[in-house]
Amino acid sequence: MTEFPALVYKVPGKYVRPHGTYDFAGVNNTEELEAKLKEGWVSSLQEAIDSKETTPVAEAKESDDIAPPTRQELEEKATELGIKFDGRFSDKKIAQLIDEALAK
C-alpha cells in the first residue's frame, strides 16, 4: 500500500544524475498515482533507470549520417587506399586524393 503524498519518476528528465537525467512528480492519491503510472511514470528512481536501459533509443535515420567525414576518417581511408599524405594536407586535399583513387 502506498502512503500519500508519494513521488513517481521517469527517465529522461530535467534533473541530472550520474550517467543521465531523471524527473519526478508528486501524487496525492490513488487516482493521481494510477494516472501517472499509465503515462509511463514508475514508483522508484531505480525502476525508472532500469526501464530506460532496456528501452531502445531512436534508430538512426539515413539523414543522420550526412556530416562530412572527419579528419580521422579521411586519414584512415587514405591509408587504406595507400595514399601518401602528411599533416600539411588539408581535409579537402585528402578527400580529393581519395576521390581520385576511388575513380581509378
PDB file of N, CA and C in Angstrom:
ATOM      1  N   MET A   1       0.850  -1.178   0.000  1.00  0.00           N
ATOM      2  CA  MET A   1       0.000   0.000   0.000  1.00  0.00           C
ATOM      3  C   MET A   1       0.895   1.242   0.000  1.00  0.00           C
ATOM      4  N   THR A   2       0.550   2.181  -0.820  1.00  0.00           N
ATOM      5  CA  THR A   2       1.327   3.401  -0.947  1.00  0.00           C
ATOM      6  C   THR A   2       0.809   4.467   0.003  1.00  0.00           C
ATOM      7  N   GLU A   3       1.724   5.138   0.677  1.00  0.00           N
ATOM      8  CA  GLU A   3       1.352   6.260   1.529  1.00  0.00           C
ATOM      9  C   GLU A   3       1.422   7.538   0.698  1.00  0.00           C
ATOM     10  N   PHE A   4       0.489   8.432   0.910  1.00  0.00           N
ATOM     11  CA  PHE A   4       0.445   9.687   0.163  1.00  0.00           C
ATOM     12  C   PHE A   4       0.734  10.847   1.069  1.00  0.00           C
ATOM     13  N   PRO A   5       1.349  11.892   0.596  1.00  0.00           N
ATOM     14  CA  PRO A   5       1.814  12.070  -0.778  1.00  0.00           C
ATOM     15  C   PRO A   5       3.001  11.158  -1.086  1.00  0.00           C
ATOM     16  N   ALA A   6       3.173  10.868  -2.404  1.00  0.00           N
ATOM     17  CA  ALA A   6       4.260   9.997  -2.852  1.00  0.00           C
ATOM     18  C   ALA A   6       4.899  10.602  -4.099  1.00  0.00           C
ATOM     19  N   LEU A   7       6.039  10.054  -4.481  1.00  0.00           N
ATOM     20  CA  LEU A   7       6.729  10.509  -5.675  1.00  0.00           C
ATOM     21  C   LEU A   7       6.730   9.412  -6.728  1.00  0.00           C
ATOM     22  N   VAL A   8       6.686   9.836  -7.994  1.00  0.00           N
ATOM     23  CA  VAL A   8       6.866   8.930  -9.128  1.00  0.00           C
ATOM     24  C   VAL A   8       7.993   9.501  -9.980  1.00  0.00           C
ATOM     25  N   TYR A   9       8.633   8.634 -10.779  1.00  0.00           N
ATOM     26  CA  TYR A   9       9.839   9.016 -11.517  1.00  0.00           C
ATOM     27  C   TYR A   9       9.752   8.604 -12.978  1.00  0.00           C
ATOM     28  N   LYS A  10      10.547   9.307 -13.813  1.00  0.00           N
ATOM     29  CA  LYS A  10      10.712   8.895 -15.201  1.00  0.00           C
ATOM     30  C   LYS A  10      12.099   9.319 -15.670  1.00  0.00           C
ATOM     31  N   VAL A  11      12.569   8.646 -16.681  1.00  0.00           N
ATOM     32  CA  VAL A  11      13.859   8.925 -17.303  1.00  0.00           C
ATOM     33  C   VAL A  11      13.604   9.063 -18.791  1.00  0.00           C
ATOM     34  N   PRO A  12      14.126  10.061 -19.486  1.00  0.00           N
ATOM     35  CA  PRO A  12      14.970  11.166 -19.034  1.00  0.00           C
ATOM     36  C   PRO A  12      14.127  12.260 -18.402  1.00  0.00           C
ATOM     37  N   GLY A  13      14.817  13.265 -17.893  1.00  0.00           N
ATOM     38  CA  GLY A  13      14.124  14.378 -17.262  1.00  0.00           C
ATOM     39  C   GLY A  13      15.032  15.568 -17.094  1.00  0.00           C
ATOM     40  N   LYS A  14      14.624  16.509 -16.266  1.00  0.00           N
ATOM     41  CA  LYS A  14      15.377  17.753 -16.126  1.00  0.00           C
ATOM     42  C   LYS A  14      16.379  17.750 -14.981  1.00  0.00           C
ATOM     43  N   TYR A  15      16.403  16.701 -14.173  1.00  0.00           N
ATOM     44  CA  TYR A  15      17.343  16.625 -13.059  1.00  0.00           C
ATOM     45  C   TYR A  15      18.519  15.719 -13.439  1.00  0.00           C
ATOM     46  N   VAL A  16      19.719  16.166 -13.125  1.00  0.00           N
ATOM     47  CA  VAL A  16      20.925  15.449 -13.523  1.00  0.00           C
ATOM     48  C   VAL A  16      21.316  14.421 -12.465  1.00  0.00           C
ATOM     49  N   ARG A  17      21.706  13.251 -12.927  1.00  0.00           N
ATOM     50  CA  ARG A  17      22.230  12.184 -12.086  1.00  0.00           C
ATOM     51  C   ARG A  17      23.421  11.600 -12.831  1.00  0.00           C
ATOM     52  N   PRO A  18      24.256  10.821 -12.176  1.00  0.00           N
ATOM     53  CA  PRO A  18      25.367  10.201 -12.905  1.00  0.00           C
ATOM     54  C   PRO A  18      24.833   9.379 -14.086  1.00  0.00           C
ATOM     55  N   HIS A  19      25.372   9.582 -15.244  1.00  0.00           N
ATOM     56  CA  HIS A  19      25.040   8.843 -16.464  1.00  0.00           C
ATOM     57  C   HIS A  19      23.657   9.138 -17.012  1.00  0.00           C
ATOM     58  N   GLY A  20      23.072  10.277 -16.707  1.00  0.00           N
ATOM     59  CA  GLY A  20      21.778  10.585 -17.302  1.00  0.00           C
ATOM     60  C   GLY A  20      20.992  11.627 -16.538  1.00  0.00           C
ATOM     61  N   THR A  21      19.712  11.651 -16.830  1.00  0.00           N
ATOM     62  CA  THR A  21      18.802  12.600 -16.198  1.00  0.00           C
ATOM     63  C   THR A  21      17.533  11.867 -15.771  1.00  0.00           C
ATOM     64  N   TYR A  22      16.771  12.525 -14.911  1.00  0.00           N
ATOM     65  CA  TYR A  22      15.502  11.965 -14.472  1.00  0.00           C
ATOM     66  C   TYR A  22      14.555  13.106 -14.118  1.00  0.00           C
ATOM     67  N   ASP A  23      13.293  12.757 -13.919  1.00  0.00           N
ATOM     68  CA  ASP A  23      12.298  13.719 -13.470  1.00  0.00           C
ATOM     69  C   ASP A  23      11.439  13.025 -12.422  1.00  0.00           C
ATOM     70  N   PHE A  24      10.790  13.813 -11.591  1.00  0.00           N
ATOM     71  CA  PHE A  24       9.884  13.253 -10.599  1.00  0.00           C
ATOM     72  C   PHE A  24       8.677  14.155 -10.464  1.00  0.00           C
ATOM     73  N   ALA A  25       7.605  13.561  -9.958  1.00  0.00           N
ATOM     74  CA  ALA A  25       6.368  14.313  -9.739  1.00  0.00           C
ATOM     75  C   ALA A  25       5.710  13.772  -8.479  1.00  0.00           C
ATOM     76  N   GLY A  26       4.996  14.639  -7.802  1.00  0.00           N
ATOM     77  CA  GLY A  26       4.262  14.226  -6.613  1.00  0.00           C
ATOM     78  C   GLY A  26       2.852  13.801  -6.958  1.00  0.00           C
ATOM     79  N   VAL A  27       2.375  12.805  -6.245  1.00  0.00           N
ATOM     80  CA  VAL A  27       0.978  12.376  -6.369  1.00  0.00           C
ATOM     81  C   VAL A  27       0.371  12.357  -4.971  1.00  0.00           C
ATOM     82  N   ASN A  28      -0.898  12.725  -4.890  1.00  0.00           N
ATOM     83  CA  ASN A  28      -1.548  12.876  -3.590  1.00  0.00           C
ATOM     84  C   ASN A  28      -2.592  11.820  -3.267  1.00  0.00           C
ATOM     85  N   ASN A  29      -2.936  10.997  -4.268  1.00  0.00           N
ATOM     86  CA  ASN A  29      -3.948   9.967  -4.014  1.00  0.00           C
ATOM     87  C   ASN A  29      -3.810   8.840  -5.045  1.00  0.00           C
ATOM     88  N   THR A  30      -4.586   7.805  -4.869  1.00  0.00           N
ATOM     89  CA  THR A  30      -4.505   6.630  -5.737  1.00  0.00           C
ATOM     90  C   THR A  30      -4.833   6.971  -7.185  1.00  0.00           C
ATOM     91  N   GLU A  31      -5.802   7.832  -7.398  1.00  0.00           N
ATOM     92  CA  GLU A  31      -6.184   8.190  -8.768  1.00  0.00           C
ATOM     93  C   GLU A  31      -5.032   8.881  -9.497  1.00  0.00           C
ATOM     94  N   GLU A  32      -4.365   9.828  -8.834  1.00  0.00           N
ATOM     95  CA  GLU A  32      -3.221  10.515  -9.442  1.00  0.00           C
ATOM     96  C   GLU A  32      -2.091   9.528  -9.718  1.00  0.00           C
ATOM     97  N   LEU A  33      -1.863   8.609  -8.779  1.00  0.00           N
ATOM     98  CA  LEU A  33      -0.815   7.604  -8.949  1.00  0.00           C
ATOM     99  C   LEU A  33      -1.108   6.734 -10.169  1.00  0.00           C
ATOM    100  N   GLU A  34      -2.320   6.232 -10.282  1.00  0.00           N
ATOM    101  CA  GLU A  34      -2.688   5.379 -11.412  1.00  0.00           C
ATOM    102  C   GLU A  34      -2.573   6.122 -12.737  1.00  0.00           C
ATOM    103  N   ALA A  35      -2.945   7.402 -12.753  1.00  0.00           N
ATOM    104  CA  ALA A  35      -2.831   8.193 -13.984  1.00  0.00           C
ATOM    105  C   ALA A  35      -1.373   8.343 -14.394  1.00  0.00           C
ATOM    106  N   LYS A  36      -0.502   8.648 -13.429  1.00  0.00           N
ATOM    107  CA  LYS A  36       0.927   8.803 -13.735  1.00  0.00           C
ATOM    108  C   LYS A  36       1.529   7.479 -14.204  1.00  0.00           C
ATOM    109  N   LEU A  37       1.163   6.377 -13.573  1.00  0.00           N
ATOM    110  CA  LEU A  37       1.689   5.080 -13.970  1.00  0.00           C
ATOM    111  C   LEU A  37       1.275   4.737 -15.403  1.00  0.00           C
ATOM    112  N   LYS A  38       0.050   5.099 -15.787  1.00  0.00           N
ATOM    113  CA  LYS A  38      -0.414   4.868 -17.161  1.00  0.00           C
ATOM    114  C   LYS A  38       0.375   5.719 -18.160  1.00  0.00           C
ATOM    115  N   GLU A  39       0.893   6.876 -17.709  1.00  0.00           N
ATOM    116  CA  GLU A  39       1.684   7.766 -18.573  1.00  0.00           C
ATOM    117  C   GLU A  39       3.142   7.317 -18.674  1.00  0.00           C
ATOM    118  N   GLY A  40       3.497   6.243 -17.972  1.00  0.00           N
ATOM    119  CA  GLY A  40       4.862   5.740 -18.055  1.00  0.00           C
ATOM    120  C   GLY A  40       5.751   6.080 -16.877  1.00  0.00           C
ATOM    121  N   TRP A  41       5.232   6.757 -15.881  1.00  0.00           N
ATOM    122  CA  TRP A  41       5.996   7.040 -14.669  1.00  0.00           C
ATOM    123  C   TRP A  41       6.075   5.755 -13.853  1.00  0.00           C
ATOM    124  N   VAL A  42       7.064   5.663 -12.978  1.00  0.00           N
ATOM    125  CA  VAL A  42       7.227   4.481 -12.127  1.00  0.00           C
ATOM    126  C   VAL A  42       7.416   4.921 -10.681  1.00  0.00           C
ATOM    127  N   SER A  43       7.346   3.967  -9.757  1.00  0.00           N
ATOM    128  CA  SER A  43       7.326   4.322  -8.341  1.00  0.00           C
ATOM    129  C   SER A  43       8.692   4.473  -7.687  1.00  0.00           C
ATOM    130  N   SER A  44       9.788   4.138  -8.402  1.00  0.00           N
ATOM    131  CA  SER A  44      11.110   4.351  -7.815  1.00  0.00           C
ATOM    132  C   SER A  44      12.086   4.829  -8.884  1.00  0.00           C
ATOM    133  N   LEU A  45      13.078   5.591  -8.452  1.00  0.00           N
ATOM    134  CA  LEU A  45      14.083   6.087  -9.385  1.00  0.00           C
ATOM    135  C   LEU A  45      14.846   4.930 -10.014  1.00  0.00           C
ATOM    136  N   GLN A  46      15.197   3.926  -9.221  1.00  0.00           N
ATOM    137  CA  GLN A  46      15.935   2.781  -9.762  1.00  0.00           C
ATOM    138  C   GLN A  46      15.128   2.069 -10.836  1.00  0.00           C
ATOM    139  N   GLU A  47      13.843   1.933 -10.635  1.00  0.00           N
ATOM    140  CA  GLU A  47      12.976   1.296 -11.625  1.00  0.00           C
ATOM    141  C   GLU A  47      12.947   2.118 -12.914  1.00  0.00           C
ATOM    142  N   ALA A  48      12.932   3.442 -12.785  1.00  0.00           N
ATOM    143  CA  ALA A  48      12.956   4.309 -13.967  1.00  0.00           C
ATOM    144  C   ALA A  48      14.269   4.149 -14.727  1.00  0.00           C
ATOM    145  N   ILE A  49      15.381   4.121 -13.993  1.00  0.00           N
ATOM    146  CA  ILE A  49      16.702   3.956 -14.609  1.00  0.00           C
ATOM    147  C   ILE A  49      16.782   2.602 -15.303  1.00  0.00           C
ATOM    148  N   ASP A  50      16.338   1.550 -14.631  1.00  0.00           N
ATOM    149  CA  ASP A  50      16.389   0.204 -15.205  1.00  0.00           C
ATOM    150  C   ASP A  50      15.528   0.098 -16.462  1.00  0.00           C
ATOM    151  N   SER A  51      14.355   0.724 -16.462  1.00  0.00           N
ATOM    152  CA  SER A  51      13.482   0.643 -17.632  1.00  0.00           C
ATOM    153  C   SER A  51      14.080   1.396 -18.810  1.00  0.00           C
ATOM    154  N   LYS A  52      14.791   2.490 -18.552  1.00  0.00           N
ATOM    155  CA  LYS A  52      15.412   3.260 -19.623  1.00  0.00           C
ATOM    156  C   LYS A  52      16.538   2.477 -20.271  1.00  0.00           C
ATOM    157  N   GLU A  53      17.269   1.685 -19.491  1.00  0.00           N
ATOM    158  CA  GLU A  53      18.374   0.915 -20.038  1.00  0.00           C
ATOM    159  C   GLU A  53      17.891  -0.132 -21.026  1.00  0.00           C
ATOM    160  N   THR A  54      16.652  -0.589 -20.893  1.00  0.00           N
ATOM    161  CA  THR A  54      16.136  -1.588 -21.821  1.00  0.00           C
ATOM    162  C   THR A  54      15.294  -0.971 -22.923  1.00  0.00           C
ATOM    163  N   THR A  55      15.015   0.321 -22.837  1.00  0.00           N
ATOM    164  CA  THR A  55      14.242   0.986 -23.861  1.00  0.00           C
ATOM    165  C   THR A  55      15.161   1.391 -25.002  1.00  0.00           C
ATOM    166  N   PRO A  56      14.889   0.939 -26.228  1.00  0.00           N
ATOM    167  CA  PRO A  56      15.777   1.293 -27.321  1.00  0.00           C
ATOM    168  C   PRO A  56      15.697   2.783 -27.646  1.00  0.00           C
ATOM    169  N   VAL A  57      16.833   3.340 -28.016  1.00  0.00           N
ATOM    170  CA  VAL A  57      16.849   4.733 -28.432  1.00  0.00           C
ATOM    171  C   VAL A  57      16.348   4.805 -29.863  1.00  0.00           C
ATOM    172  N   ALA A  58      16.051   5.988 -30.328  1.00  0.00           N
ATOM    173  CA  ALA A  58      15.566   6.156 -31.689  1.00  0.00           C
ATOM    174  C   ALA A  58      16.593   5.612 -32.677  1.00  0.00           C
ATOM    175  N   GLU A  59      16.108   4.924 -33.669  1.00  0.00           N
ATOM    176  CA  GLU A  59      17.002   4.371 -34.669  1.00  0.00           C
ATOM    177  C   GLU A  59      17.573   5.495 -35.530  1.00  0.00           C
ATOM    178  N   ALA A  60      18.803   5.309 -35.942  1.00  0.00           N
ATOM    179  CA  ALA A  60      19.447   6.293 -36.802  1.00  0.00           C
ATOM    180  C   ALA A  60      18.744   6.329 -38.149  1.00  0.00           C
ATOM    181  N   LYS A  61      18.569   7.510 -38.651  1.00  0.00           N
ATOM    182  CA  LYS A  61      17.968   7.681 -39.956  1.00  0.00           C
ATOM    183  C   LYS A  61      19.079   7.908 -40.967  1.00  0.00           C
ATOM    184  N   GLU A  62      18.777   7.660 -42.211  1.00  0.00           N
ATOM    185  CA  GLU A  62      19.765   7.868 -43.257  1.00  0.00           C
ATOM    186  C   GLU A  62      20.259   9.311 -43.240  1.00  0.00           C
ATOM    187  N   SER A  63      19.380  10.244 -42.929  1.00  0.00           N
ATOM    188  CA  SER A  63      19.752  11.657 -42.927  1.00  0.00           C
ATOM    189  C   SER A  63      20.674  12.018 -41.764  1.00  0.00           C
ATOM    190  N   ASP A  64      20.787  11.135 -40.758  1.00  0.00           N
ATOM    191  CA  ASP A  64      21.663  11.407 -39.622  1.00  0.00           C
ATOM    192  C   ASP A  64      23.140  11.295 -39.985  1.00  0.00           C
ATOM    193  N   ASP A  65      23.444  10.660 -41.115  1.00  0.00           N
ATOM    194  CA  ASP A  65      24.832  10.425 -41.492  1.00  0.00           C
ATOM    195  C   ASP A  65      25.225  11.281 -42.692  1.00  0.00           C
ATOM    196  N   ILE A  66      24.877  12.560 -42.654  1.00  0.00           N
ATOM    197  CA  ILE A  66      25.191  13.419 -43.788  1.00  0.00           C
ATOM    198  C   ILE A  66      26.318  14.399 -43.487  1.00  0.00           C
ATOM    199  N   ALA A  67      26.904  14.280 -42.328  1.00  0.00           N
ATOM    200  CA  ALA A  67      28.013  15.156 -41.966  1.00  0.00           C
ATOM    201  C   ALA A  67      29.230  14.778 -42.807  1.00  0.00           C
ATOM    202  N   PRO A  68      30.068  15.740 -43.142  1.00  0.00           N
ATOM    203  CA  PRO A  68      31.273  15.416 -43.898  1.00  0.00           C
ATOM    204  C   PRO A  68      32.183  14.527 -43.051  1.00  0.00           C
ATOM    205  N   PRO A  69      33.052  13.752 -43.704  1.00  0.00           N
ATOM    206  CA  PRO A  69      33.937  12.874 -42.944  1.00  0.00           C
ATOM    207  C   PRO A  69      34.884  13.674 -42.055  1.00  0.00           C
ATOM    208  N   THR A  70      35.216  13.093 -40.925  1.00  0.00           N
ATOM    209  CA  THR A  70      36.153  13.747 -40.008  1.00  0.00           C
ATOM    210  C   THR A  70      37.574  13.575 -40.538  1.00  0.00           C
ATOM    211  N   ARG A  71      38.494  14.332 -39.975  1.00  0.00           N
ATOM    212  CA  ARG A  71      39.901  14.201 -40.366  1.00  0.00           C
ATOM    213  C   ARG A  71      40.374  12.768 -40.146  1.00  0.00           C
ATOM    214  N   GLN A  72      40.010  12.184 -39.033  1.00  0.00           N
ATOM    215  CA  GLN A  72      40.414  10.811 -38.730  1.00  0.00           C
ATOM    216  C   GLN A  72      39.874   9.839 -39.774  1.00  0.00           C
ATOM    217  N   GLU A  73      38.623   9.995 -40.163  1.00  0.00           N
ATOM    218  CA  GLU A  73      38.037   9.118 -41.174  1.00  0.00           C
ATOM    219  C   GLU A  73      38.754   9.278 -42.510  1.00  0.00           C
ATOM    220  N   LEU A  74      39.073  10.527 -42.864  1.00  0.00           N
ATOM    221  CA  LEU A  74      39.802  10.767 -44.104  1.00  0.00           C
ATOM    222  C   LEU A  74      41.178  10.103 -44.074  1.00  0.00           C
ATOM    223  N   GLU A  75      41.876  10.260 -42.961  1.00  0.00           N
ATOM    224  CA  GLU A  75      43.212   9.668 -42.840  1.00  0.00           C
ATOM    225  C   GLU A  75      43.148   8.147 -42.891  1.00  0.00           C
ATOM    226  N   GLU A  76      42.160   7.560 -42.253  1.00  0.00           N
ATOM    227  CA  GLU A  76      42.017   6.101 -42.274  1.00  0.00           C
ATOM    228  C   GLU A  76      41.770   5.600 -43.688  1.00  0.00           C
ATOM    229  N   LYS A  77      40.875   6.278 -44.411  1.00  0.00           N
ATOM    230  CA  LYS A  77      40.560   5.864 -45.785  1.00  0.00           C
ATOM    231  C   LYS A  77      41.772   6.055 -46.688  1.00  0.00           C
ATOM    232  N   ALA A  78      42.479   7.176 -46.535  1.00  0.00           N
ATOM    233  CA  ALA A  78      43.677   7.423 -47.346  1.00  0.00           C
ATOM    234  C   ALA A  78      44.722   6.354 -47.090  1.00  0.00           C
ATOM    235  N   THR A  79      44.927   5.986 -45.851  1.00  0.00           N
ATOM    236  CA  THR A  79      45.895   4.943 -45.504  1.00  0.00           C
ATOM    237  C   THR A  79      45.463   3.608 -46.104  1.00  0.00           C
ATOM    238  N   GLU A  80      44.173   3.316 -46.004  1.00  0.00           N
ATOM    239  CA  GLU A  80      43.627   2.079 -46.563  1.00  0.00           C
ATOM    240  C   GLU A  80      43.876   1.994 -48.073  1.00  0.00           C
ATOM    241  N   LEU A  81      43.789   3.142 -48.759  1.00  0.00           N
ATOM    242  CA  LEU A  81      43.981   3.179 -50.203  1.00  0.00           C
ATOM    243  C   LEU A  81      45.450   3.361 -50.600  1.00  0.00           C
ATOM    244  N   GLY A  82      46.336   3.466 -49.617  1.00  0.00           N
ATOM    245  CA  GLY A  82      47.752   3.617 -49.902  1.00  0.00           C
ATOM    246  C   GLY A  82      48.146   5.012 -50.367  1.00  0.00           C
ATOM    247  N   ILE A  83      47.357   6.016 -50.013  1.00  0.00           N
ATOM    248  CA  ILE A  83      47.633   7.400 -50.392  1.00  0.00           C
ATOM    249  C   ILE A  83      48.617   7.984 -49.382  1.00  0.00           C
ATOM    250  N   LYS A  84      49.662   8.590 -49.899  1.00  0.00           N
ATOM    251  CA  LYS A  84      50.651   9.223 -49.023  1.00  0.00           C
ATOM    252  C   LYS A  84      50.213  10.667 -48.755  1.00  0.00           C
ATOM    253  N   PHE A  85      50.259  11.062 -47.495  1.00  0.00           N
ATOM    254  CA  PHE A  85      49.873  12.416 -47.078  1.00  0.00           C
ATOM    255  C   PHE A  85      50.585  12.732 -45.781  1.00  0.00           C
ATOM    256  N   ASP A  86      50.565  13.987 -45.389  1.00  0.00           N
ATOM    257  CA  ASP A  86      51.107  14.369 -44.085  1.00  0.00           C
ATOM    258  C   ASP A  86      50.231  15.460 -43.485  1.00  0.00           C
ATOM    259  N   GLY A  87      50.631  15.973 -42.339  1.00  0.00           N
ATOM    260  CA  GLY A  87      49.836  16.943 -41.602  1.00  0.00           C
ATOM    261  C   GLY A  87      49.603  18.255 -42.327  1.00  0.00           C
ATOM    262  N   ARG A  88      50.393  18.527 -43.363  1.00  0.00           N
ATOM    263  CA  ARG A  88      50.214  19.782 -44.111  1.00  0.00           C
ATOM    264  C   ARG A  88      49.052  19.709 -45.094  1.00  0.00           C
ATOM    265  N   PHE A  89      48.587  18.511 -45.395  1.00  0.00           N
ATOM    266  CA  PHE A  89      47.484  18.344 -46.339  1.00  0.00           C
ATOM    267  C   PHE A  89      46.183  18.773 -45.660  1.00  0.00           C
ATOM    268  N   SER A  90      45.357  19.513 -46.382  1.00  0.00           N
ATOM    269  CA  SER A  90      44.051  19.904 -45.838  1.00  0.00           C
ATOM    270  C   SER A  90      43.081  18.736 -45.968  1.00  0.00           C
ATOM    271  N   ASP A  91      41.990  18.809 -45.223  1.00  0.00           N
ATOM    272  CA  ASP A  91      40.954  17.785 -45.337  1.00  0.00           C
ATOM    273  C   ASP A  91      40.441  17.724 -46.774  1.00  0.00           C
ATOM    274  N   LYS A  92      40.270  18.886 -47.368  1.00  0.00           N
ATOM    275  CA  LYS A  92      39.769  18.966 -48.743  1.00  0.00           C
ATOM    276  C   LYS A  92      40.715  18.253 -49.701  1.00  0.00           C
ATOM    277  N   LYS A  93      42.020  18.453 -49.532  1.00  0.00           N
ATOM    278  CA  LYS A  93      43.005  17.827 -50.409  1.00  0.00           C
ATOM    279  C   LYS A  93      42.996  16.315 -50.227  1.00  0.00           C
ATOM    280  N   ILE A  94      42.929  15.849 -48.989  1.00  0.00           N
ATOM    281  CA  ILE A  94      42.883  14.405 -48.749  1.00  0.00           C
ATOM    282  C   ILE A  94      41.624  13.807 -49.367  1.00  0.00           C
ATOM    283  N   ALA A  95      40.494  14.482 -49.217  1.00  0.00           N
ATOM    284  CA  ALA A  95      39.241  14.000 -49.799  1.00  0.00           C
ATOM    285  C   ALA A  95      39.362  13.931 -51.322  1.00  0.00           C
ATOM    286  N   GLN A  96      40.007  14.919 -51.919  1.00  0.00           N
ATOM    287  CA  GLN A  96      40.209  14.939 -53.376  1.00  0.00           C
ATOM    288  C   GLN A  96      41.079  13.746 -53.805  1.00  0.00           C
ATOM    289  N   LEU A  97      42.145  13.473 -53.071  1.00  0.00           N
ATOM    290  CA  LEU A  97      43.014  12.340 -53.390  1.00  0.00           C
ATOM    291  C   LEU A  97      42.262  11.027 -53.245  1.00  0.00           C
ATOM    292  N   ILE A  98      41.422  10.926 -52.249  1.00  0.00           N
ATOM    293  CA  ILE A  98      40.616   9.712 -52.057  1.00  0.00           C
ATOM    294  C   ILE A  98      39.660   9.526 -53.231  1.00  0.00           C
ATOM    295  N   ASP A  99      38.983  10.615 -53.625  1.00  0.00           N
ATOM    296  CA  ASP A  99      38.056  10.546 -54.762  1.00  0.00           C
ATOM    297  C   ASP A  99      38.787  10.104 -56.022  1.00  0.00           C
ATOM    298  N   GLU A 100      39.973  10.644 -56.252  1.00  0.00           N
ATOM    299  CA  GLU A 100      40.743  10.274 -57.439  1.00  0.00           C
ATOM    300  C   GLU A 100      41.161   8.799 -57.387  1.00  0.00           C
ATOM    301  N   ALA A 101      41.553   8.324 -56.226  1.00  0.00           N
ATOM    302  CA  ALA A 101      41.954   6.923 -56.094  1.00  0.00           C
ATOM    303  C   ALA A 101      40.754   5.984 -56.299  1.00  0.00           C
ATOM    304  N   LEU A 102      39.614   6.374 -55.813  1.00  0.00           N
ATOM    305  CA  LEU A 102      38.428   5.541 -55.966  1.00  0.00           C
ATOM    306  C   LEU A 102      37.913   5.542 -57.405  1.00  0.00           C
ATOM    307  N   ALA A 103      38.166   6.614 -58.148  1.00  0.00           N
ATOM    308  CA  ALA A 103      37.708   6.729 -59.531  1.00  0.00           C
ATOM    309  C   ALA A 103      38.517   5.840 -60.476  1.00  0.00           C
ATOM    310  N   LYS A 104      39.715   5.446 -60.051  1.00  0.00           N
ATOM    311  CA  LYS A 104      40.582   4.611 -60.910  1.00  0.00           C
ATOM    312  C   LYS A 104      40.058   3.211 -61.057  1.00  0.00           C
TER     313      LYS A 104
END
